[in-house]
Amino acid sequence: MKQLIDYIPLLVFFSVWAMDERAISIAGYDHSIGGVFSAAEFLLAASLLVYGSLFVYQKRLDKFQWITLVAVVLFCIPTIIFRNTDFLKWKAPIVNWIFATIFIASRFFGDKPAIEHMMGHAISAPKEVWYKLNTMWIFYFIVLGAINLAVAFTLSEDLWIKFKVFGNLILTFGFVFAQMPILAKYIEVEDEDEAAKEKSA
């Protein structure tokens, strides 16, 4: 559910970008809707609305949501002001590399790696498994950042935006799915333990 909520601003971004550009008048002020710069405006507004609502409802945002929100603000505003998509193209690579840095730092600060903080409430696995997964996520974020950078600056705007909205999601789901064999036995053990307890009761 959380991932779907986090994805709303990107869907808004894509929807506005895909529109044919048109001028609308609001209170006597003419404004263009459609295209990448208009989409950046809507991405900024949707992110502030979504994460602002989450903050009001939850009384908090997790660190990854804060990083995403701050990145949207920092990269969308100069994109809109200077009419230059290069600013926005750097958002995904830098955010992914920040995530990688957090996962690296979690190995040396605190009692749990970052991935265990995220998934440990649902799965009980040995510490070495969490460190292995954490390392995998570090490499994933580094590589995904590099892929986003290459796509943004070597391919067309059309392919860049489609990759930004859908490609990242597909790659991440695929990466998460690839980790299931590592975690499956711990999920199954947990289920078996619960079944044994029920039988003994």
Protein backbone atom coordinates (compact mmCIF):
# COMPACT_ATOMS: atom_id res chain seq x y z
CA MET A 1 0.00 0.00 0.00
CA LYS A 2 2.81 2.39 0.95
CA GLN A 3 4.58 1.80 -2.38
CA LEU A 4 1.37 2.54 -4.29
CA ILE A 5 0.89 5.82 -2.45
CA ASP A 6 4.51 6.79 -3.12
CA TYR A 7 3.91 6.09 -6.82
CA ILE A 8 0.97 8.51 -7.19
CA PRO A 9 3.10 11.63 -7.98
CA LEU A 10 4.92 9.77 -10.77
CA LEU A 11 1.62 8.67 -12.31
CA VAL A 12 0.45 12.28 -12.18
CA PHE A 13 3.72 13.35 -13.81
CA PHE A 14 3.32 10.83 -16.64
CA SER A 15 -0.35 11.66 -17.21
CA VAL A 16 0.32 15.39 -17.57
CA TRP A 17 3.40 14.82 -19.76
CA ALA A 18 1.37 12.60 -22.11
CA MET A 19 -1.30 15.28 -22.63
CA ASP A 20 -1.31 17.46 -25.72
CA GLU A 21 -0.17 20.93 -24.67
CA ARG A 22 -3.04 23.34 -24.23
CA ALA A 23 -3.56 26.72 -22.61
CA ILE A 24 -6.07 27.11 -19.80
CA SER A 25 -7.23 30.26 -18.10
CA ILE A 26 -7.55 30.42 -14.31
CA ALA A 27 -8.74 33.70 -12.78
CA GLY A 28 -7.61 35.55 -15.89
CA TYR A 29 -4.17 33.92 -15.85
CA ASP A 30 -3.23 31.79 -18.87
CA HIS A 31 -1.18 28.70 -18.17
CA SER A 32 0.01 25.84 -20.36
CA ILE A 33 -0.89 22.26 -19.40
CA GLY A 34 0.89 19.26 -20.93
CA GLY A 35 4.51 18.53 -21.77
CA VAL A 36 7.50 17.92 -19.54
CA PHE A 37 7.67 21.29 -17.77
CA SER A 38 3.99 21.24 -16.91
CA ALA A 39 4.47 17.64 -15.74
CA ALA A 40 7.30 18.80 -13.46
CA GLU A 41 4.94 21.37 -11.92
CA PHE A 42 2.33 18.70 -11.28
CA LEU A 43 4.98 16.30 -9.91
CA LEU A 44 6.02 18.97 -7.43
CA ALA A 45 2.42 19.77 -6.42
CA ALA A 46 1.38 16.10 -6.20
CA SER A 47 4.43 15.20 -4.10
CA LEU A 48 3.78 18.03 -1.65
CA LEU A 49 0.11 17.01 -1.43
CA VAL A 50 0.72 13.25 -1.05
CA TYR A 51 3.61 13.45 1.42
CA GLY A 52 2.03 16.37 3.26
CA SER A 53 -1.15 14.31 3.71
CA LEU A 54 0.87 11.30 4.86
CA PHE A 55 2.72 13.47 7.37
CA VAL A 56 -0.54 14.82 8.76
CA TYR A 57 -2.10 11.33 8.91
CA GLN A 58 0.93 9.40 10.23
CA LYS A 59 2.58 12.28 12.13
CA ARG A 60 5.80 11.25 10.39
CA LEU A 61 7.52 10.30 7.13
CA ASP A 62 10.23 7.66 6.90
CA LYS A 63 13.70 8.72 5.79
CA PHE A 64 13.22 7.44 2.24
CA GLN A 65 10.03 9.48 1.84
CA TRP A 66 11.80 12.60 3.14
CA ILE A 67 14.67 12.06 0.69
CA THR A 68 12.23 11.57 -2.20
CA LEU A 69 10.22 14.67 -1.28
CA VAL A 70 13.27 16.89 -0.84
CA ALA A 71 14.72 15.63 -4.13
CA VAL A 72 11.48 16.41 -5.97
CA VAL A 73 11.53 19.97 -4.60
CA LEU A 74 15.23 20.54 -5.30
CA PHE A 75 15.19 19.17 -8.86
CA CYS A 76 11.72 20.25 -10.02
CA ILE A 77 12.00 23.91 -9.06
CA PRO A 78 15.09 24.70 -11.21
CA THR A 79 13.61 22.56 -14.02
CA ILE A 80 10.50 24.73 -13.98
CA ILE A 81 12.30 28.05 -13.55
CA PHE A 82 15.07 27.54 -16.12
CA ARG A 83 13.04 25.36 -18.52
CA ASN A 84 15.86 22.81 -18.53
CA THR A 85 15.17 19.09 -18.07
CA ASP A 86 18.80 18.35 -17.17
CA PHE A 87 17.99 19.17 -13.54
CA LEU A 88 15.16 16.65 -13.43
CA LYS A 89 17.27 14.03 -15.21
CA TRP A 90 19.71 14.02 -12.28
CA LYS A 91 16.97 13.34 -9.70
CA ALA A 92 16.67 9.54 -10.06
CA PRO A 93 20.44 8.83 -10.18
CA ILE A 94 21.20 10.98 -7.15
CA VAL A 95 18.27 9.63 -5.11
CA ASN A 96 19.33 6.04 -5.85
CA TRP A 97 22.92 6.80 -4.87
CA ILE A 98 21.73 8.43 -1.64
CA PHE A 99 19.76 5.27 -0.87
CA ALA A 100 22.90 3.21 -1.56
CA THR A 101 24.85 5.43 0.84
CA ILE A 102 22.24 4.90 3.57
CA PHE A 103 22.40 1.13 3.10
CA ILE A 104 26.22 1.26 3.26
CA ALA A 105 26.20 3.43 6.40
CA SER A 106 23.71 1.12 8.11
CA ARG A 107 26.39 -1.59 8.18
CA PHE A 108 28.52 0.55 10.47
CA PHE A 109 25.97 2.57 12.44
CA GLY A 110 23.19 0.99 14.45
CA ASP A 111 22.44 -2.62 15.29
CA LYS A 112 20.63 -3.52 12.05
CA PRO A 113 21.31 -3.08 8.34
CA ALA A 114 18.79 -0.90 6.52
CA ILE A 115 17.01 -3.79 4.81
CA GLU A 116 16.35 -5.45 8.17
CA HIS A 117 14.81 -2.23 9.45
CA MET A 118 12.50 -2.31 6.45
CA MET A 119 11.56 -6.00 6.39
CA GLY A 120 12.55 -7.39 9.78
CA HIS A 121 9.07 -6.91 11.24
CA ALA A 122 7.67 -9.40 8.72
CA ILE A 123 10.48 -11.96 8.35
CA SER A 124 12.74 -13.51 10.97
CA ALA A 125 16.07 -14.29 9.31
CA PRO A 126 19.66 -14.67 10.59
CA LYS A 127 21.85 -11.59 10.70
CA GLU A 128 24.13 -12.86 7.92
CA VAL A 129 21.13 -13.11 5.58
CA TRP A 130 20.16 -9.51 6.27
CA TYR A 131 23.73 -8.35 5.60
CA LYS A 132 23.78 -10.31 2.34
CA LEU A 133 20.49 -8.74 1.23
CA ASN A 134 21.70 -5.32 2.33
CA THR A 135 24.80 -5.68 0.14
CA MET A 136 22.63 -6.74 -2.79
CA TRP A 137 20.50 -3.61 -2.37
CA ILE A 138 23.62 -1.42 -2.24
CA PHE A 139 24.77 -2.72 -5.62
CA TYR A 140 21.23 -2.49 -6.98
CA PHE A 141 20.85 1.19 -6.07
CA ILE A 142 24.29 2.02 -7.50
CA VAL A 143 23.56 0.23 -10.78
CA LEU A 144 20.00 1.58 -11.02
CA GLY A 145 21.32 5.10 -10.54
CA ALA A 146 23.83 4.57 -13.35
CA ILE A 147 21.13 3.11 -15.64
CA ASN A 148 18.85 6.09 -14.96
CA LEU A 149 21.69 8.49 -15.76
CA ALA A 150 22.51 6.71 -19.03
CA VAL A 151 18.85 6.53 -20.09
CA ALA A 152 18.23 10.20 -19.24
CA PHE A 153 21.17 11.61 -21.19
CA THR A 154 21.46 9.18 -24.13
CA LEU A 155 17.86 8.34 -25.08
CA SER A 156 14.95 10.46 -26.23
CA GLU A 157 12.70 12.35 -23.83
CA ASP A 158 9.91 9.89 -24.60
CA LEU A 159 12.00 6.83 -23.65
CA TRP A 160 13.52 8.57 -20.63
CA ILE A 161 10.14 9.45 -19.12
CA LYS A 162 8.64 6.02 -19.83
CA PHE A 163 11.66 4.39 -18.19
CA LYS A 164 11.50 6.84 -15.27
CA VAL A 165 7.86 5.99 -14.57
CA PHE A 166 7.58 2.33 -15.56
CA GLY A 167 11.09 0.95 -16.11
CA ASN A 168 12.27 1.62 -12.57
CA LEU A 169 9.13 0.00 -11.16
CA ILE A 170 9.54 -3.13 -13.29
CA LEU A 171 13.24 -3.48 -12.43
CA THR A 172 12.56 -3.05 -8.72
CA PHE A 173 9.75 -5.61 -8.69
CA GLY A 174 11.99 -8.01 -10.58
CA PHE A 175 14.84 -7.45 -8.13
CA VAL A 176 12.57 -7.99 -5.11
CA PHE A 177 11.13 -11.14 -6.68
CA ALA A 178 14.66 -12.48 -7.29
CA GLN A 179 15.32 -12.31 -3.53
CA MET A 180 12.36 -14.52 -2.65
CA PRO A 181 14.36 -17.78 -2.82
CA ILE A 182 16.72 -16.38 -0.17
CA LEU A 183 13.88 -15.44 2.17
CA ALA A 184 11.39 -18.19 1.35
CA LYS A 185 12.74 -20.77 3.78
CA TYR A 186 12.55 -18.33 6.65
CA ILE A 187 8.97 -17.48 5.81
CA GLU A 188 8.15 -21.19 5.58
CA VAL A 189 9.88 -21.95 8.88
CA GLU A 190 7.85 -19.23 10.54
CA ASP A 191 4.63 -20.69 9.09
CA GLU A 192 5.57 -24.21 10.23
CA ASP A 193 6.34 -23.00 13.73
CA GLU A 194 2.94 -21.36 13.94
CA ALA A 195 1.24 -24.52 12.66
CA ALA A 196 3.09 -26.63 15.24
CA LYS A 197 1.99 -24.30 18.02
CA GLU A 198 -1.62 -24.55 16.89
CA LYS A 199 -1.48 -28.36 16.85
CA SER A 200 0.09 -28.54 20.32
CA ALA A 201 -2.60 -26.20 21.63
